[in-house]
Structures are given as structure tokens and as C-alpha cells.
Amino acid sequence: MATDDTSTRPARAFKVPRLPGDIMIYPMIAGLLMNTFCPQALEIGGFFTAATRGGANAVVAAILLFVGAGISFKATPGAVKTGVAVLIPKLALAAAMGLAVAWFFDDDLFGLSSVSIIGGISFCNMALYTGIMSEYGDEAEQGAVGILFLTAGPTVAMVILGVSGLASIPLGTVVGSVLPLVVGMVLGNCFPFVRDLLKPGANPAIAVLGFQLGCSMSLASFVTGGLSGILLGLVTVFVVGPVTCLFERLCGGTGKAAIACSTIAGTAMTTPAALVEVAPQYAAIAPVAYAQIATAVIVTALLAPILTGWYDKRFCAK
């Protein structure tokens, strides 16, 4: 007599579908939804609130330390080369498109202004770049984040818009932002056991970073920024990204760093307000530019990891 042993079979676990960059995307979506529909839960206090509202800088520093531990000193020239190959076309495209809109379209093309274009595209989400390259990049591509830091702050946008003498990034900030990566490299190269200890910590830290980034976003930004903000994000990913990728490949790179760099950082939202302080003529368009950049931050944060993973599988499998 046959017996039904279904009760003794182990329950079948739900299998989460994998997608490129999911180690960061899934936590980011979770944080985005929580901050949109139940932001009060993020303010419950204790360690949970500290993990969601404490800022991503500490986690980025930890990721840089972990990543640096796995980078050999031999990769340093390659990191500089990759960073420059990605940074030059990105800034050139931001300047060209922004100034073209200002000069030929009366500073209004489908709702986008020179402030939103230059202030958004000239930035790179270095936290996201670090997470993506930790999963898909080699040592040189991971270390290039030290060069990409030059896009931090509104200085680049101000220089392009003609107010270059009114803003600067303190030298200590630049050095301090690269220091965790350098410390990790020194420790990893000098002490192999430290390298083996730190390297596995990168992926868990990336997941935490993704959740933190999501908790700083809201779907309400899509409503405020509208279609013009979505357009800014799509242009950054599908126009700036491929052109920068081509330039990087011509310089001998794989192009992955360029795709991962086709993002807009949340700190780009500080640019419109900073410009108003030194150039009051931008006061009227600053609030709109702020909303558009906020929308583009979300669009690029969701698309860049997926496209980088697809590109890596499609063109870099060999």
C-alpha cells in the first residue's frame, strides 16, 4: 500500500529571481518603498534608524576599505587611466548638452534647463559605482572611484556655467574620501591575512548601502520631477553612458566603468541651491531643476546596475 509522504517533504523555498546588480537593487527597492509608503517605520529609533538615516558615507568608506584590500599596487596606474577615460567624456557631454540648451533653446528643452542637465549629468553616484564595480569590475575599475570623486560638489557645474571662482572642494575632503581605499590597498598588499579577512565584507556592505540609498528616495519625486526628470535620467543612462563607454573602449578599457558611471548622485540636488547663492538669475528655475535631478537620481540608480550586468555578460564574458 502506497503511503503519501508529502508531509515529510521539505517545503520548497521561494526562489528570488536573479538580475544584474540585484545585490544592490533589491535592498534599494525595499528602502524606496518603505520611505514612500511608511517613512515612520524608518524613524523607529535605535540601530535600525541609524542604519537607514545615518548616512551612506560610513558604509561607502567601509566598502572602499574592503575593495582596496583586494587591489594590488600594480593596478594603480590602470585605476587612474580608467577614471580619466570615464570622467572626460562625461563632463564634456554634460557641458555640451547643457550649454546647447541654454544657447539655442532659450534654456528650456522639454522642460530641462542647463542647470538640471549640467548639475545632474556632471555628477557620478560614487556610492552606486563602488557597489556595481565591486561585483563586476576589476581592480583598475574599482580603484577609479578615486578619480571620479572630482565630480563631487557643485564646483564642476559652476565652472561650466561660468562661476568657477566661487566654489571649491577642500583638499582635505578629497584626501579623506580616497584614504579608505588607500588604507585598504596598503593593508591588503602588506598583510595577506588582512586581505582575506576584509574582501568578503564588500558584498554585505553593498547590500546595506543599497538599502540606505533607497531610504533616501521616494516615489513622490517622480510626480514632482515629472516626465522631464525621467527624460534626464534616460539621457544620462542611454546617451551619456554609451558615448562614454565607446571612449573608454577606445582608450583600452572594457567600457563597464562608463556604464556604471552613467548615474546621477543624490548630492547633485545641492547644485541648484548652490548656484542661486552665487548667481541669483537661476532662482526661478532652481526648484524645478531640483525636482528633475531628484527624479533622475532614482531612474539612473535602478537602471545602471542592470545595464552594467547585462553589458558584462554580453560583451565581457570572454
Protein backbone atom coordinates (compact mmCIF):
# COMPACT_ATOMS: atom_id res chain seq x y z
CA MET A 1 0.00 0.00 0.00
CA ALA A 2 1.47 3.29 -1.09
CA THR A 3 1.89 5.92 1.54
CA ASP A 4 1.67 9.60 0.99
CA ASP A 5 4.94 11.06 2.15
CA THR A 6 4.22 14.61 1.05
CA SER A 7 4.07 15.70 4.66
CA THR A 8 7.67 14.68 5.13
CA ARG A 9 8.95 16.52 2.09
CA PRO A 10 10.83 19.73 2.83
CA ALA A 11 8.97 22.91 1.98
CA ARG A 12 10.04 24.38 -1.30
CA ALA A 13 11.74 27.70 -0.68
CA PHE A 14 10.72 30.73 -2.70
CA LYS A 15 13.40 31.45 -5.25
CA VAL A 16 14.13 35.12 -5.76
CA PRO A 17 14.77 35.83 -9.46
CA ARG A 18 18.32 36.98 -10.10
CA LEU A 19 19.11 40.03 -12.16
CA PRO A 20 22.29 42.02 -12.77
CA GLY A 21 23.19 44.15 -9.77
CA ASP A 22 20.46 42.58 -7.62
CA ILE A 23 22.76 42.58 -4.59
CA MET A 24 22.14 46.34 -4.51
CA ILE A 25 18.86 46.73 -6.42
CA TYR A 26 16.62 44.59 -4.19
CA PRO A 27 17.65 46.33 -0.94
CA MET A 28 17.36 49.68 -2.74
CA ILE A 29 13.80 48.94 -3.87
CA ALA A 30 12.90 47.82 -0.35
CA GLY A 31 14.21 51.07 1.11
CA LEU A 32 12.49 53.12 -1.62
CA LEU A 33 9.10 51.51 -0.93
CA MET A 34 9.46 51.87 2.84
CA ASN A 35 10.38 55.54 2.58
CA THR A 36 7.48 56.14 0.20
CA PHE A 37 4.64 54.32 1.96
CA CYS A 38 5.70 54.02 5.62
CA PRO A 39 8.50 56.50 6.35
CA GLN A 40 7.55 56.50 10.03
CA ALA A 41 8.90 52.97 10.30
CA LEU A 42 12.35 54.30 9.42
CA GLU A 43 12.19 56.65 12.42
CA ILE A 44 11.55 53.91 14.99
CA GLY A 45 14.92 54.67 16.55
CA GLY A 46 17.84 52.60 17.73
CA PHE A 47 20.16 50.77 15.41
CA PHE A 48 17.55 50.42 12.66
CA THR A 49 17.12 54.17 12.22
CA ALA A 50 20.88 54.62 12.45
CA ALA A 51 21.28 52.10 9.62
CA THR A 52 18.71 53.84 7.41
CA ARG A 53 19.14 57.51 8.27
CA GLY A 54 22.74 57.59 9.46
CA GLY A 55 24.05 58.45 6.01
CA ALA A 56 25.77 56.30 3.45
CA ASN A 57 29.25 57.81 3.84
CA ALA A 58 30.32 55.42 6.60
CA VAL A 59 29.20 52.40 4.57
CA VAL A 60 30.93 53.74 1.45
CA ALA A 61 34.12 54.14 3.50
CA ALA A 62 33.81 50.50 4.62
CA ILE A 63 33.24 49.31 1.04
CA LEU A 64 36.27 51.27 -0.16
CA LEU A 65 38.34 49.69 2.60
CA PHE A 66 37.16 46.19 1.69
CA VAL A 67 37.61 46.79 -2.04
CA GLY A 68 41.02 48.38 -1.55
CA ALA A 69 42.21 45.29 0.33
CA GLY A 70 41.76 43.29 -2.86
CA ILE A 71 43.56 45.74 -5.16
CA SER A 72 47.24 45.23 -5.85
CA PHE A 73 49.63 48.13 -6.20
CA LYS A 74 50.12 47.11 -9.82
CA ALA A 75 46.55 48.21 -10.59
CA THR A 76 47.04 51.86 -9.54
CA PRO A 77 48.06 53.21 -12.99
CA GLY A 78 45.13 51.36 -14.52
CA ALA A 79 42.75 52.92 -12.00
CA VAL A 80 43.92 56.42 -12.90
CA LYS A 81 43.63 55.66 -16.61
CA THR A 82 40.11 54.25 -16.23
CA GLY A 83 38.96 57.18 -14.10
CA VAL A 84 40.23 59.77 -16.58
CA ALA A 85 38.82 57.86 -19.58
CA VAL A 86 35.38 57.89 -17.97
CA LEU A 87 35.44 61.36 -16.44
CA ILE A 88 36.48 63.38 -19.51
CA PRO A 89 33.64 62.38 -21.89
CA LYS A 90 31.02 62.51 -19.10
CA LEU A 91 31.89 66.10 -18.21
CA ALA A 92 32.29 67.09 -21.87
CA LEU A 93 28.83 65.76 -22.73
CA ALA A 94 27.26 67.45 -19.71
CA ALA A 95 28.77 70.78 -20.73
CA ALA A 96 27.93 70.42 -24.42
CA MET A 97 24.28 69.45 -23.88
CA GLY A 98 23.68 71.99 -21.12
CA LEU A 99 25.21 74.92 -22.96
CA ALA A 100 23.44 73.94 -26.20
CA VAL A 101 20.09 74.07 -24.39
CA ALA A 102 20.99 77.46 -22.89
CA TRP A 103 22.17 78.99 -26.16
CA PHE A 104 19.87 77.51 -28.78
CA PHE A 105 16.65 76.61 -26.90
CA ASP A 106 16.33 79.56 -24.52
CA ASP A 107 17.32 77.31 -21.61
CA ASP A 108 14.22 75.12 -21.94
CA LEU A 109 14.20 71.85 -23.88
CA PHE A 110 11.28 69.56 -22.96
CA GLY A 111 11.30 71.25 -19.56
CA LEU A 112 15.03 70.69 -18.96
CA SER A 113 17.36 73.62 -18.32
CA SER A 114 21.12 73.98 -18.41
CA VAL A 115 21.12 73.86 -14.60
CA SER A 116 19.39 70.47 -14.42
CA ILE A 117 21.42 69.00 -17.29
CA ILE A 118 24.86 70.16 -16.21
CA GLY A 119 24.12 69.94 -12.50
CA GLY A 120 22.85 66.37 -12.91
CA ILE A 121 24.92 64.67 -15.59
CA SER A 122 28.25 66.08 -14.36
CA PHE A 123 27.80 64.14 -11.10
CA CYS A 124 28.53 60.45 -10.65
CA ASN A 125 26.88 58.40 -7.92
CA MET A 126 30.14 57.14 -6.44
CA ALA A 127 28.43 55.03 -3.80
CA LEU A 128 26.49 53.20 -6.51
CA TYR A 129 29.56 52.99 -8.75
CA THR A 130 31.54 51.44 -5.92
CA GLY A 131 28.85 48.84 -5.34
CA ILE A 132 28.48 47.95 -9.02
CA MET A 133 32.20 47.69 -9.68
CA SER A 134 32.72 45.60 -6.56
CA GLU A 135 30.56 42.99 -8.28
CA TYR A 136 31.53 43.40 -11.93
CA GLY A 137 34.76 45.41 -12.12
CA ASP A 138 38.42 44.51 -11.98
CA GLU A 139 40.98 46.16 -9.72
CA ALA A 140 41.55 49.15 -12.01
CA GLU A 141 37.84 49.78 -12.48
CA GLN A 142 37.22 49.57 -8.74
CA GLY A 143 40.07 51.94 -7.93
CA ALA A 144 38.88 54.53 -10.48
CA VAL A 145 36.45 55.86 -7.88
CA GLY A 146 39.30 57.98 -6.53
CA ILE A 147 39.36 59.96 -9.80
CA LEU A 148 35.58 60.13 -10.10
CA PHE A 149 35.43 61.89 -6.75
CA LEU A 150 36.47 65.04 -8.59
CA THR A 151 32.81 65.38 -9.67
CA ALA A 152 31.65 65.76 -6.05
CA GLY A 153 30.04 69.03 -5.07
CA PRO A 154 28.61 71.78 -7.29
CA THR A 155 32.04 73.04 -8.34
CA VAL A 156 32.06 71.38 -11.76
CA ALA A 157 28.64 72.74 -12.67
CA MET A 158 29.66 76.20 -11.51
CA VAL A 159 32.84 76.09 -13.56
CA ILE A 160 30.93 75.09 -16.68
CA LEU A 161 28.34 77.81 -16.12
CA GLY A 162 30.99 80.48 -15.74
CA VAL A 163 31.32 80.98 -11.98
CA SER A 164 34.42 78.89 -11.43
CA GLY A 165 35.99 81.16 -8.83
CA LEU A 166 33.12 80.95 -6.36
CA ALA A 167 33.27 77.33 -5.19
CA SER A 168 35.91 74.78 -4.38
CA ILE A 169 36.33 71.34 -2.87
CA PRO A 170 38.64 71.41 0.16
CA LEU A 171 41.80 69.37 -0.29
CA GLY A 172 41.16 67.56 2.98
CA THR A 173 37.81 66.32 1.69
CA VAL A 174 39.42 64.91 -1.44
CA VAL A 175 42.19 63.18 0.51
CA GLY A 176 39.78 61.84 3.13
CA SER A 177 37.47 60.38 0.52
CA VAL A 178 40.24 58.39 -1.15
CA LEU A 179 42.03 57.46 2.09
CA PRO A 180 39.92 54.34 2.95
CA LEU A 181 40.73 52.85 -0.46
CA VAL A 182 44.45 53.57 0.01
CA VAL A 183 44.47 52.14 3.54
CA GLY A 184 42.77 49.00 2.27
CA MET A 185 45.34 48.64 -0.52
CA VAL A 186 48.25 49.03 1.91
CA LEU A 187 46.82 46.53 4.37
CA GLY A 188 45.85 44.04 1.69
CA ASN A 189 49.21 44.15 -0.05
CA CYS A 190 51.29 44.05 3.12
CA PHE A 191 49.26 41.51 5.09
CA PRO A 192 47.63 38.67 3.09
CA PHE A 193 45.58 37.53 6.09
CA VAL A 194 44.04 41.03 6.34
CA ARG A 195 43.17 40.87 2.63
CA ASP A 196 41.41 37.54 3.14
CA LEU A 197 39.60 38.99 6.16
CA LEU A 198 38.34 42.18 4.51
CA LYS A 199 37.48 41.16 0.94
CA PRO A 200 34.37 39.07 1.81
CA GLY A 201 32.86 42.05 3.61
CA ALA A 202 32.26 44.02 0.40
CA ASN A 203 29.05 42.28 -0.72
CA PRO A 204 27.18 42.55 2.62
CA ALA A 205 28.20 46.20 2.86
CA ILE A 206 26.92 46.80 -0.71
CA ALA A 207 23.51 45.39 0.27
CA VAL A 208 23.37 47.72 3.29
CA LEU A 209 24.38 50.64 1.09
CA GLY A 210 21.63 49.82 -1.41
CA PHE A 211 19.03 49.87 1.39
CA GLN A 212 20.35 53.19 2.67
CA LEU A 213 20.22 54.75 -0.79
CA GLY A 214 16.65 53.52 -1.22
CA CYS A 215 15.65 55.02 2.13
CA SER A 216 16.79 58.42 0.87
CA MET A 217 14.50 58.25 -2.19
CA SER A 218 10.75 58.48 -2.67
CA LEU A 219 8.33 57.74 -5.49
CA ALA A 220 6.92 61.21 -4.87
CA SER A 221 9.97 62.52 -6.72
CA PHE A 222 8.55 61.07 -9.93
CA VAL A 223 5.43 63.19 -9.51
CA THR A 224 7.35 66.36 -8.71
CA GLY A 225 10.07 65.92 -11.32
CA GLY A 226 7.61 64.70 -13.95
CA LEU A 227 8.47 63.40 -17.37
CA SER A 228 11.31 65.89 -17.75
CA GLY A 229 13.12 64.37 -14.77
CA ILE A 230 12.64 60.87 -16.16
CA LEU A 231 13.95 62.13 -19.50
CA LEU A 232 17.07 63.48 -17.78
CA GLY A 233 17.70 60.07 -16.22
CA LEU A 234 17.18 58.23 -19.50
CA VAL A 235 19.51 60.59 -21.37
CA THR A 236 22.18 60.02 -18.72
CA VAL A 237 21.93 56.24 -19.00
CA PHE A 238 21.23 55.71 -22.70
CA VAL A 239 23.11 58.63 -24.29
CA VAL A 240 25.92 59.65 -21.95
CA GLY A 241 26.58 56.05 -20.93
CA PRO A 242 27.13 54.55 -24.42
CA VAL A 243 29.21 57.52 -25.64
CA THR A 244 31.40 57.36 -22.54
CA CYS A 245 31.61 53.58 -22.95
CA LEU A 246 32.87 53.97 -26.52
CA PHE A 247 35.51 56.46 -25.40
CA GLU A 248 36.67 54.15 -22.62
CA ARG A 249 36.94 51.24 -25.04
CA LEU A 250 38.97 53.38 -27.45
CA CYS A 251 41.31 54.04 -24.52
CA GLY A 252 41.74 50.30 -23.99
CA GLY A 253 39.15 49.73 -21.26
CA THR A 254 36.22 47.32 -21.15
CA GLY A 255 33.52 50.01 -21.03
CA LYS A 256 31.96 48.66 -17.83
CA ALA A 257 33.15 51.59 -15.73
CA ALA A 258 31.46 54.00 -18.15
CA ILE A 259 28.13 52.18 -17.91
CA ALA A 260 28.35 52.05 -14.12
CA CYS A 261 29.23 55.75 -14.08
CA SER A 262 26.15 56.75 -16.12
CA THR A 263 24.36 57.76 -12.93
CA ILE A 264 23.41 60.94 -11.11
CA ALA A 265 24.32 61.25 -7.44
CA GLY A 266 21.86 62.41 -4.82
CA THR A 267 24.31 65.15 -3.90
CA ALA A 268 23.64 66.66 -7.35
CA MET A 269 20.43 68.04 -5.86
CA THR A 270 22.58 70.58 -3.97
CA THR A 271 23.70 72.23 -7.21
CA PRO A 272 20.61 74.36 -7.98
CA ALA A 273 20.58 75.87 -4.48
CA ALA A 274 24.33 76.46 -4.56
CA LEU A 275 24.04 78.22 -7.90
CA VAL A 276 21.31 80.53 -6.62
CA GLU A 277 23.64 81.66 -3.83
CA VAL A 278 26.23 82.89 -6.31
CA ALA A 279 24.04 83.56 -9.37
CA PRO A 280 20.54 84.81 -8.39
CA GLN A 281 19.36 84.67 -12.00
CA TYR A 282 18.86 80.91 -11.53
CA ALA A 283 16.38 81.38 -8.65
CA ALA A 284 13.32 80.86 -10.86
CA ILE A 285 14.42 77.52 -12.30
CA ALA A 286 16.24 76.12 -9.27
CA PRO A 287 13.20 74.41 -7.65
CA VAL A 288 12.24 72.71 -10.91
CA ALA A 289 15.83 71.65 -11.56
CA TYR A 290 16.00 70.21 -8.03
CA ALA A 291 12.90 68.05 -8.63
CA GLN A 292 14.12 66.91 -12.04
CA ILE A 293 17.51 65.87 -10.67
CA ALA A 294 15.81 64.02 -7.80
CA THR A 295 13.77 62.00 -10.29
CA ALA A 296 16.82 61.30 -12.46
CA VAL A 297 18.71 60.02 -9.40
CA ILE A 298 16.11 57.27 -8.94
CA VAL A 299 15.96 56.40 -12.64
CA THR A 300 19.72 56.03 -13.00
CA ALA A 301 20.09 54.19 -9.69
CA LEU A 302 17.67 51.49 -10.87
CA LEU A 303 18.93 51.17 -14.46
CA ALA A 304 22.72 51.43 -14.13
CA PRO A 305 23.29 48.18 -12.17
CA ILE A 306 21.06 46.21 -14.54
CA LEU A 307 22.72 47.59 -17.68
CA THR A 308 26.21 47.07 -16.26
CA GLY A 309 25.43 43.44 -15.50
CA TRP A 310 23.90 42.93 -18.95
CA TYR A 311 26.89 44.60 -20.61
CA ASP A 312 29.32 42.50 -18.61
CA LYS A 313 27.57 39.28 -19.63
CA ARG A 314 27.05 40.32 -23.25
CA PHE A 315 30.37 41.92 -24.14
CA CYS A 316 32.88 40.98 -21.42
CA ALA A 317 32.17 37.28 -20.90
CA LYS A 318 35.45 36.31 -22.55
